[in-house]
PDB file of N, CA and C in Angstrom:
ATOM      1  N   MET A   1      35.246  28.506   4.496  1.00  0.00           N
ATOM      2  CA  MET A   1      34.173  27.902   3.737  1.00  0.00           C
ATOM      3  C   MET A   1      34.095  26.434   4.116  1.00  0.00           C
ATOM      4  N   GLU A   2      32.892  26.010   4.375  1.00  0.00           N
ATOM      5  CA  GLU A   2      32.656  24.613   4.737  1.00  0.00           C
ATOM      6  C   GLU A   2      31.218  24.267   4.387  1.00  0.00           C
ATOM      7  N   TRP A   3      30.957  23.001   4.142  1.00  0.00           N
ATOM      8  CA  TRP A   3      29.609  22.549   3.842  1.00  0.00           C
ATOM      9  C   TRP A   3      29.033  21.733   4.980  1.00  0.00           C
ATOM     10  N   VAL A   4      27.731  21.888   5.166  1.00  0.00           N
ATOM     11  CA  VAL A   4      26.946  20.981   5.998  1.00  0.00           C
ATOM     12  C   VAL A   4      26.024  20.284   5.009  1.00  0.00           C
ATOM     13  N   THR A   5      26.114  18.967   4.941  1.00  0.00           N
ATOM     14  CA  THR A   5      25.317  18.217   3.970  1.00  0.00           C
ATOM     15  C   THR A   5      24.380  17.258   4.684  1.00  0.00           C
ATOM     16  N   GLY A   6      23.530  16.633   3.912  1.00  0.00           N
ATOM     17  CA  GLY A   6      22.617  15.641   4.464  1.00  0.00           C
ATOM     18  C   GLY A   6      21.419  16.245   5.174  1.00  0.00           C
ATOM     19  N   LEU A   7      21.126  17.508   4.897  1.00  0.00           N
ATOM     20  CA  LEU A   7      19.968  18.146   5.512  1.00  0.00           C
ATOM     21  C   LEU A   7      18.695  17.647   4.840  1.00  0.00           C
ATOM     22  N   VAL A   8      17.624  17.600   5.588  1.00  0.00           N
ATOM     23  CA  VAL A   8      16.338  17.185   5.042  1.00  0.00           C
ATOM     24  C   VAL A   8      15.739  18.376   4.295  1.00  0.00           C
ATOM     25  N   PRO A   9      15.453  18.201   2.995  1.00  0.00           N
ATOM     26  CA  PRO A   9      14.870  19.317   2.246  1.00  0.00           C
ATOM     27  C   PRO A   9      13.550  19.754   2.873  1.00  0.00           C
ATOM     28  N   GLY A  10      13.425  21.050   3.116  1.00  0.00           N
ATOM     29  CA  GLY A  10      12.218  21.536   3.749  1.00  0.00           C
ATOM     30  C   GLY A  10      11.601  22.725   3.049  1.00  0.00           C
ATOM     31  N   SER A  11      12.145  23.102   1.915  1.00  0.00           N
ATOM     32  CA  SER A  11      11.608  24.250   1.189  1.00  0.00           C
ATOM     33  C   SER A  11      11.224  23.822  -0.216  1.00  0.00           C
ATOM     34  N   LYS A  12      10.549  24.694  -0.918  1.00  0.00           N
ATOM     35  CA  LYS A  12      10.149  24.353  -2.287  1.00  0.00           C
ATOM     36  C   LYS A  12      11.351  24.213  -3.214  1.00  0.00           C
ATOM     37  N   GLU A  13      12.506  24.815  -2.848  1.00  0.00           N
ATOM     38  CA  GLU A  13      13.718  24.684  -3.657  1.00  0.00           C
ATOM     39  C   GLU A  13      14.460  23.379  -3.370  1.00  0.00           C
ATOM     40  N   ASN A  14      14.039  22.644  -2.340  1.00  0.00           N
ATOM     41  CA  ASN A  14      14.648  21.365  -1.954  1.00  0.00           C
ATOM     42  C   ASN A  14      16.136  21.472  -1.652  1.00  0.00           C
ATOM     43  N   TYR A  15      16.542  22.529  -0.941  1.00  0.00           N
ATOM     44  CA  TYR A  15      17.932  22.636  -0.517  1.00  0.00           C
ATOM     45  C   TYR A  15      18.239  21.485   0.434  1.00  0.00           C
ATOM     46  N   ASN A  16      19.388  20.826   0.228  1.00  0.00           N
ATOM     47  CA  ASN A  16      19.770  19.719   1.097  1.00  0.00           C
ATOM     48  C   ASN A  16      21.161  19.913   1.695  1.00  0.00           C
ATOM     49  N   SER A  17      21.739  21.091   1.495  1.00  0.00           N
ATOM     50  CA  SER A  17      23.061  21.409   2.030  1.00  0.00           C
ATOM     51  C   SER A  17      23.121  22.890   2.370  1.00  0.00           C
ATOM     52  N   CYS A  18      24.203  23.243   3.048  1.00  0.00           N
ATOM     53  CA  CYS A  18      24.382  24.630   3.443  1.00  0.00           C
ATOM     54  C   CYS A  18      25.875  24.958   3.350  1.00  0.00           C
ATOM     55  N   LEU A  19      26.204  26.040   2.664  1.00  0.00           N
ATOM     56  CA  LEU A  19      27.582  26.517   2.595  1.00  0.00           C
ATOM     57  C   LEU A  19      27.770  27.507   3.734  1.00  0.00           C
ATOM     58  N   ILE A  20      28.706  27.215   4.630  1.00  0.00           N
ATOM     59  CA  ILE A  20      28.971  28.053   5.794  1.00  0.00           C
ATOM     60  C   ILE A  20      30.201  28.909   5.504  1.00  0.00           C
ATOM     61  N   ILE A  21      30.063  30.206   5.690  1.00  0.00           N
ATOM     62  CA  ILE A  21      31.173  31.133   5.508  1.00  0.00           C
ATOM     63  C   ILE A  21      31.266  31.988   6.761  1.00  0.00           C
ATOM     64  N   VAL A  22      32.455  32.029   7.379  1.00  0.00           N
ATOM     65  CA  VAL A  22      32.652  32.785   8.615  1.00  0.00           C
ATOM     66  C   VAL A  22      33.716  33.848   8.379  1.00  0.00           C
ATOM     67  N   ASP A  23      33.395  35.077   8.772  1.00  0.00           N
ATOM     68  CA  ASP A  23      34.362  36.167   8.719  1.00  0.00           C
ATOM     69  C   ASP A  23      35.262  36.055   9.945  1.00  0.00           C
ATOM     70  N   ARG A  24      36.560  35.901   9.728  1.00  0.00           N
ATOM     71  CA  ARG A  24      37.492  35.718  10.849  1.00  0.00           C
ATOM     72  C   ARG A  24      37.557  36.922  11.768  1.00  0.00           C
ATOM     73  N   PHE A  25      37.375  38.116  11.238  1.00  0.00           N
ATOM     74  CA  PHE A  25      37.487  39.324  12.048  1.00  0.00           C
ATOM     75  C   PHE A  25      36.256  39.537  12.925  1.00  0.00           C
ATOM     76  N   SER A  26      35.095  39.566  12.311  1.00  0.00           N
ATOM     77  CA  SER A  26      33.864  39.865  13.059  1.00  0.00           C
ATOM     78  C   SER A  26      33.206  38.622  13.645  1.00  0.00           C
ATOM     79  N   LYS A  27      33.622  37.444  13.184  1.00  0.00           N
ATOM     80  CA  LYS A  27      33.029  36.166  13.590  1.00  0.00           C
ATOM     81  C   LYS A  27      31.589  36.023  13.101  1.00  0.00           C
ATOM     82  N   ILE A  28      31.199  36.836  12.131  1.00  0.00           N
ATOM     83  CA  ILE A  28      29.864  36.716  11.555  1.00  0.00           C
ATOM     84  C   ILE A  28      29.832  35.494  10.650  1.00  0.00           C
ATOM     85  N   MET A  29      28.795  34.671  10.819  1.00  0.00           N
ATOM     86  CA  MET A  29      28.632  33.470  10.015  1.00  0.00           C
ATOM     87  C   MET A  29      27.501  33.686   9.023  1.00  0.00           C
ATOM     88  N   ARG A  30      27.746  33.288   7.792  1.00  0.00           N
ATOM     89  CA  ARG A  30      26.693  33.294   6.775  1.00  0.00           C
ATOM     90  C   ARG A  30      26.426  31.853   6.409  1.00  0.00           C
ATOM     91  N   CYS A  31      25.186  31.479   6.421  1.00  0.00           N
ATOM     92  CA  CYS A  31      24.753  30.133   6.059  1.00  0.00           C
ATOM     93  C   CYS A  31      23.946  30.252   4.771  1.00  0.00           C
ATOM     94  N   LEU A  32      24.496  29.735   3.679  1.00  0.00           N
ATOM     95  CA  LEU A  32      23.874  29.876   2.370  1.00  0.00           C
ATOM     96  C   LEU A  32      23.286  28.538   1.934  1.00  0.00           C
ATOM     97  N   PRO A  33      21.965  28.434   1.823  1.00  0.00           N
ATOM     98  CA  PRO A  33      21.361  27.174   1.396  1.00  0.00           C
ATOM     99  C   PRO A  33      21.780  26.835  -0.028  1.00  0.00           C
ATOM    100  N   CYS A  34      22.046  25.556  -0.256  1.00  0.00           N
ATOM    101  CA  CYS A  34      22.467  25.109  -1.577  1.00  0.00           C
ATOM    102  C   CYS A  34      22.087  23.640  -1.744  1.00  0.00           C
ATOM    103  N   HIS A  35      22.545  23.052  -2.825  1.00  0.00           N
ATOM    104  CA  HIS A  35      22.277  21.643  -3.111  1.00  0.00           C
ATOM    105  C   HIS A  35      23.590  20.869  -3.082  1.00  0.00           C
ATOM    106  N   LYS A  36      23.533  19.664  -2.597  1.00  0.00           N
ATOM    107  CA  LYS A  36      24.729  18.820  -2.534  1.00  0.00           C
ATOM    108  C   LYS A  36      25.310  18.600  -3.932  1.00  0.00           C
ATOM    109  N   GLU A  37      24.461  18.620  -4.935  1.00  0.00           N
ATOM    110  CA  GLU A  37      24.876  18.362  -6.312  1.00  0.00           C
ATOM    111  C   GLU A  37      25.423  19.603  -7.011  1.00  0.00           C
ATOM    112  N   ASP A  38      25.465  20.756  -6.344  1.00  0.00           N
ATOM    113  CA  ASP A  38      25.956  21.985  -6.971  1.00  0.00           C
ATOM    114  C   ASP A  38      27.393  21.823  -7.453  1.00  0.00           C
ATOM    115  N   THR A  39      27.679  22.416  -8.591  1.00  0.00           N
ATOM    116  CA  THR A  39      29.021  22.359  -9.176  1.00  0.00           C
ATOM    117  C   THR A  39      29.891  23.477  -8.600  1.00  0.00           C
ATOM    118  N   ALA A  40      31.153  23.469  -8.999  1.00  0.00           N
ATOM    119  CA  ALA A  40      32.059  24.543  -8.585  1.00  0.00           C
ATOM    120  C   ALA A  40      31.562  25.885  -9.113  1.00  0.00           C
ATOM    121  N   MET A  41      31.009  25.905 -10.320  1.00  0.00           N
ATOM    122  CA  MET A  41      30.464  27.148 -10.878  1.00  0.00           C
ATOM    123  C   MET A  41      29.253  27.618 -10.073  1.00  0.00           C
ATOM    124  N   ASP A  42      28.380  26.694  -9.678  1.00  0.00           N
ATOM    125  CA  ASP A  42      27.232  27.061  -8.838  1.00  0.00           C
ATOM    126  C   ASP A  42      27.709  27.678  -7.526  1.00  0.00           C
ATOM    127  N   THR A  43      28.741  27.086  -6.939  1.00  0.00           N
ATOM    128  CA  THR A  43      29.280  27.588  -5.675  1.00  0.00           C
ATOM    129  C   THR A  43      29.945  28.942  -5.866  1.00  0.00           C
ATOM    130  N   ALA A  44      30.664  29.105  -6.970  1.00  0.00           N
ATOM    131  CA  ALA A  44      31.289  30.400  -7.261  1.00  0.00           C
ATOM    132  C   ALA A  44      30.227  31.487  -7.413  1.00  0.00           C
ATOM    133  N   MET A  45      29.125  31.171  -8.079  1.00  0.00           N
ATOM    134  CA  MET A  45      28.036  32.144  -8.238  1.00  0.00           C
ATOM    135  C   MET A  45      27.368  32.434  -6.896  1.00  0.00           C
ATOM    136  N   LEU A  46      27.190  31.415  -6.069  1.00  0.00           N
ATOM    137  CA  LEU A  46      26.620  31.596  -4.735  1.00  0.00           C
ATOM    138  C   LEU A  46      27.517  32.516  -3.910  1.00  0.00           C
ATOM    139  N   PHE A  47      28.827  32.279  -3.971  1.00  0.00           N
ATOM    140  CA  PHE A  47      29.806  33.102  -3.266  1.00  0.00           C
ATOM    141  C   PHE A  47      29.760  34.543  -3.780  1.00  0.00           C
ATOM    142  N   TRP A  48      29.721  34.706  -5.093  1.00  0.00           N
ATOM    143  CA  TRP A  48      29.677  36.037  -5.699  1.00  0.00           C
ATOM    144  C   TRP A  48      28.411  36.790  -5.288  1.00  0.00           C
ATOM    145  N   ASN A  49      27.269  36.138  -5.430  1.00  0.00           N
ATOM    146  CA  ASN A  49      25.981  36.797  -5.181  1.00  0.00           C
ATOM    147  C   ASN A  49      25.733  37.114  -3.712  1.00  0.00           C
ATOM    148  N   ASN A  50      26.324  36.346  -2.802  1.00  0.00           N
ATOM    149  CA  ASN A  50      26.012  36.523  -1.388  1.00  0.00           C
ATOM    150  C   ASN A  50      27.137  37.103  -0.548  1.00  0.00           C
ATOM    151  N   ILE A  51      28.371  36.923  -0.954  1.00  0.00           N
ATOM    152  CA  ILE A  51      29.492  37.396  -0.142  1.00  0.00           C
ATOM    153  C   ILE A  51      30.164  38.599  -0.797  1.00  0.00           C
ATOM    154  N   ILE A  52      30.627  38.433  -2.011  1.00  0.00           N
ATOM    155  CA  ILE A  52      31.340  39.514  -2.692  1.00  0.00           C
ATOM    156  C   ILE A  52      30.445  40.738  -2.853  1.00  0.00           C
ATOM    157  N   SER A  53      29.187  40.521  -3.225  1.00  0.00           N
ATOM    158  CA  SER A  53      28.282  41.657  -3.429  1.00  0.00           C
ATOM    159  C   SER A  53      27.984  42.397  -2.129  1.00  0.00           C
ATOM    160  N   SER A  54      28.080  41.711  -0.992  1.00  0.00           N
ATOM    161  CA  SER A  54      27.795  42.343   0.300  1.00  0.00           C
ATOM    162  C   SER A  54      29.034  42.896   0.990  1.00  0.00           C
ATOM    163  N   TYR A  55      30.167  42.173   0.886  1.00  0.00           N
ATOM    164  CA  TYR A  55      31.349  42.522   1.673  1.00  0.00           C
ATOM    165  C   TYR A  55      32.569  42.899   0.853  1.00  0.00           C
ATOM    166  N   GLY A  56      32.553  42.639  -0.439  1.00  0.00           N
ATOM    167  CA  GLY A  56      33.733  42.860  -1.263  1.00  0.00           C
ATOM    168  C   GLY A  56      34.592  41.601  -1.308  1.00  0.00           C
ATOM    169  N   VAL A  57      35.700  41.688  -2.006  1.00  0.00           N
ATOM    170  CA  VAL A  57      36.587  40.534  -2.177  1.00  0.00           C
ATOM    171  C   VAL A  57      37.409  40.333  -0.909  1.00  0.00           C
ATOM    172  N   PRO A  58      37.367  39.133  -0.321  1.00  0.00           N
ATOM    173  CA  PRO A  58      38.151  38.888   0.891  1.00  0.00           C
ATOM    174  C   PRO A  58      39.644  38.825   0.579  1.00  0.00           C
ATOM    175  N   LYS A  59      40.456  39.208   1.552  1.00  0.00           N
ATOM    176  CA  LYS A  59      41.907  39.137   1.376  1.00  0.00           C
ATOM    177  C   LYS A  59      42.410  37.715   1.548  1.00  0.00           C
ATOM    178  N   ILE A  60      41.764  36.953   2.423  1.00  0.00           N
ATOM    179  CA  ILE A  60      42.174  35.575   2.693  1.00  0.00           C
ATOM    180  C   ILE A  60      40.934  34.700   2.737  1.00  0.00           C
ATOM    181  N   ILE A  61      41.029  33.520   2.117  1.00  0.00           N
ATOM    182  CA  ILE A  61      39.978  32.516   2.229  1.00  0.00           C
ATOM    183  C   ILE A  61      40.638  31.248   2.737  1.00  0.00           C
ATOM    184  N   ILE A  62      40.122  30.724   3.832  1.00  0.00           N
ATOM    185  CA  ILE A  62      40.647  29.487   4.403  1.00  0.00           C
ATOM    186  C   ILE A  62      39.634  28.387   4.145  1.00  0.00           C
ATOM    187  N   SER A  63      40.104  27.291   3.593  1.00  0.00           N
ATOM    188  CA  SER A  63      39.207  26.189   3.278  1.00  0.00           C
ATOM    189  C   SER A  63      39.986  24.885   3.283  1.00  0.00           C
ATOM    190  N   ASP A  64      39.313  23.821   3.707  1.00  0.00           N
ATOM    191  CA  ASP A  64      39.944  22.504   3.642  1.00  0.00           C
ATOM    192  C   ASP A  64      39.247  21.635   2.601  1.00  0.00           C
ATOM    193  N   MET A  65      38.724  22.281   1.560  1.00  0.00           N
ATOM    194  CA  MET A  65      38.040  21.559   0.497  1.00  0.00           C
ATOM    195  C   MET A  65      39.028  20.740  -0.318  1.00  0.00           C
ATOM    196  N   ASN A  66      38.488  19.803  -1.046  1.00  0.00           N
ATOM    197  CA  ASN A  66      39.224  18.968  -1.973  1.00  0.00           C
ATOM    198  C   ASN A  66      40.003  19.847  -2.960  1.00  0.00           C
ATOM    199  N   PRO A  67      41.298  19.562  -3.198  1.00  0.00           N
ATOM    200  CA  PRO A  67      42.106  20.391  -4.108  1.00  0.00           C
ATOM    201  C   PRO A  67      41.513  20.517  -5.515  1.00  0.00           C
ATOM    202  N   LYS A  68      40.920  19.437  -6.046  1.00  0.00           N
ATOM    203  CA  LYS A  68      40.315  19.505  -7.376  1.00  0.00           C
ATOM    204  C   LYS A  68      39.154  20.492  -7.373  1.00  0.00           C
ATOM    205  N   PHE A  69      38.331  20.446  -6.316  1.00  0.00           N
ATOM    206  CA  PHE A  69      37.217  21.388  -6.234  1.00  0.00           C
ATOM    207  C   PHE A  69      37.737  22.811  -6.109  1.00  0.00           C
ATOM    208  N   LYS A  70      38.771  23.021  -5.285  1.00  0.00           N
ATOM    209  CA  LYS A  70      39.323  24.374  -5.123  1.00  0.00           C
ATOM    210  C   LYS A  70      39.792  24.928  -6.462  1.00  0.00           C
ATOM    211  N   TYR A  71      40.453  24.087  -7.260  1.00  0.00           N
ATOM    212  CA  TYR A  71      40.916  24.530  -8.574  1.00  0.00           C
ATOM    213  C   TYR A  71      39.729  24.933  -9.444  1.00  0.00           C
ATOM    214  N   GLU A  72      38.708  24.067  -9.496  1.00  0.00           N
ATOM    215  CA  GLU A  72      37.533  24.361 -10.315  1.00  0.00           C
ATOM    216  C   GLU A  72      36.801  25.598  -9.802  1.00  0.00           C
ATOM    217  N   PHE A  73      36.691  25.737  -8.473  1.00  0.00           N
ATOM    218  CA  PHE A  73      36.027  26.899  -7.884  1.00  0.00           C
ATOM    219  C   PHE A  73      36.742  28.177  -8.297  1.00  0.00           C
ATOM    220  N   TRP A  74      38.070  28.224  -8.113  1.00  0.00           N
ATOM    221  CA  TRP A  74      38.812  29.448  -8.421  1.00  0.00           C
ATOM    222  C   TRP A  74      38.847  29.735  -9.909  1.00  0.00           C
ATOM    223  N   THR A  75      38.872  28.700 -10.737  1.00  0.00           N
ATOM    224  CA  THR A  75      38.825  28.902 -12.181  1.00  0.00           C
ATOM    225  C   THR A  75      37.495  29.541 -12.574  1.00  0.00           C
ATOM    226  N   ASN A  76      36.403  29.007 -12.043  1.00  0.00           N
ATOM    227  CA  ASN A  76      35.082  29.564 -12.341  1.00  0.00           C
ATOM    228  C   ASN A  76      34.918  30.960 -11.752  1.00  0.00           C
ATOM    229  N   PHE A  77      35.420  31.166 -10.551  1.00  0.00           N
ATOM    230  CA  PHE A  77      35.315  32.475  -9.914  1.00  0.00           C
ATOM    231  C   PHE A  77      36.103  33.513 -10.709  1.00  0.00           C
ATOM    232  N   SER A  78      37.257  33.122 -11.220  1.00  0.00           N
ATOM    233  CA  SER A  78      38.066  34.009 -12.054  1.00  0.00           C
ATOM    234  C   SER A  78      37.317  34.373 -13.335  1.00  0.00           C
ATOM    235  N   ASP A  79      36.603  33.409 -13.906  1.00  0.00           N
ATOM    236  CA  ASP A  79      35.796  33.687 -15.100  1.00  0.00           C
ATOM    237  C   ASP A  79      34.709  34.713 -14.800  1.00  0.00           C
ATOM    238  N   ILE A  80      34.078  34.588 -13.633  1.00  0.00           N
ATOM    239  CA  ILE A  80      33.035  35.536 -13.235  1.00  0.00           C
ATOM    240  C   ILE A  80      33.619  36.939 -13.115  1.00  0.00           C
ATOM    241  N   LEU A  81      34.814  37.036 -12.519  1.00  0.00           N
ATOM    242  CA  LEU A  81      35.461  38.339 -12.352  1.00  0.00           C
ATOM    243  C   LEU A  81      36.002  38.889 -13.662  1.00  0.00           C
ATOM    244  N   GLY A  82      36.226  37.991 -14.631  1.00  0.00           N
ATOM    245  CA  GLY A  82      36.769  38.415 -15.910  1.00  0.00           C
ATOM    246  C   GLY A  82      38.262  38.659 -15.869  1.00  0.00           C
ATOM    247  N   ASN A  83      38.959  37.979 -14.956  1.00  0.00           N
ATOM    248  CA  ASN A  83      40.412  38.147 -14.902  1.00  0.00           C
ATOM    249  C   ASN A  83      41.107  36.818 -15.149  1.00  0.00           C
ATOM    250  N   LYS A  84      42.415  36.865 -15.256  1.00  0.00           N
ATOM    251  CA  LYS A  84      43.214  35.666 -15.501  1.00  0.00           C
ATOM    252  C   LYS A  84      43.696  35.124 -14.165  1.00  0.00           C
ATOM    253  N   LEU A  85      43.577  33.836 -13.999  1.00  0.00           N
ATOM    254  CA  LEU A  85      43.990  33.185 -12.769  1.00  0.00           C
ATOM    255  C   LEU A  85      45.344  32.524 -12.985  1.00  0.00           C
ATOM    256  N   ALA A  86      46.280  32.792 -12.100  1.00  0.00           N
ATOM    257  CA  ALA A  86      47.608  32.184 -12.174  1.00  0.00           C
ATOM    258  C   ALA A  86      47.925  31.572 -10.820  1.00  0.00           C
ATOM    259  N   PHE A  87      48.193  30.275 -10.810  1.00  0.00           N
ATOM    260  CA  PHE A  87      48.557  29.591  -9.578  1.00  0.00           C
ATOM    261  C   PHE A  87      50.070  29.593  -9.433  1.00  0.00           C
ATOM    262  N   SER A  88      50.537  29.811  -8.219  1.00  0.00           N
ATOM    263  CA  SER A  88      51.974  29.726  -7.981  1.00  0.00           C
ATOM    264  C   SER A  88      52.326  28.282  -7.659  1.00  0.00           C
ATOM    265  N   THR A  89      53.584  27.936  -7.829  1.00  0.00           N
ATOM    266  CA  THR A  89      54.026  26.582  -7.510  1.00  0.00           C
ATOM    267  C   THR A  89      54.724  26.536  -6.170  1.00  0.00           C
ATOM    268  N   ALA A  90      54.879  27.660  -5.538  1.00  0.00           N
ATOM    269  CA  ALA A  90      55.575  27.722  -4.252  1.00  0.00           C
ATOM    270  C   ALA A  90      54.628  27.447  -3.112  1.00  0.00           C
TER     271      ALA A  90
END
């Protein structure tokens, strides 16, 4: 997962960013239009609606996002799934 930001809005939704998701096995890239101001919950919903619904839950997610954002993303994503999230300390 990675973002491309600073795009010139060109649609009626005024998307100015793109969330890039690449499948390591097939090398298929998904480019999901979004807004730079989107929250972790917005991103979790974008991920759910476009990736999980099409491919299922991935076994591994690699990201170099900010740790605070990762925490908020996974907390919100866990809420969407309706399960309890437990982080390991190891």
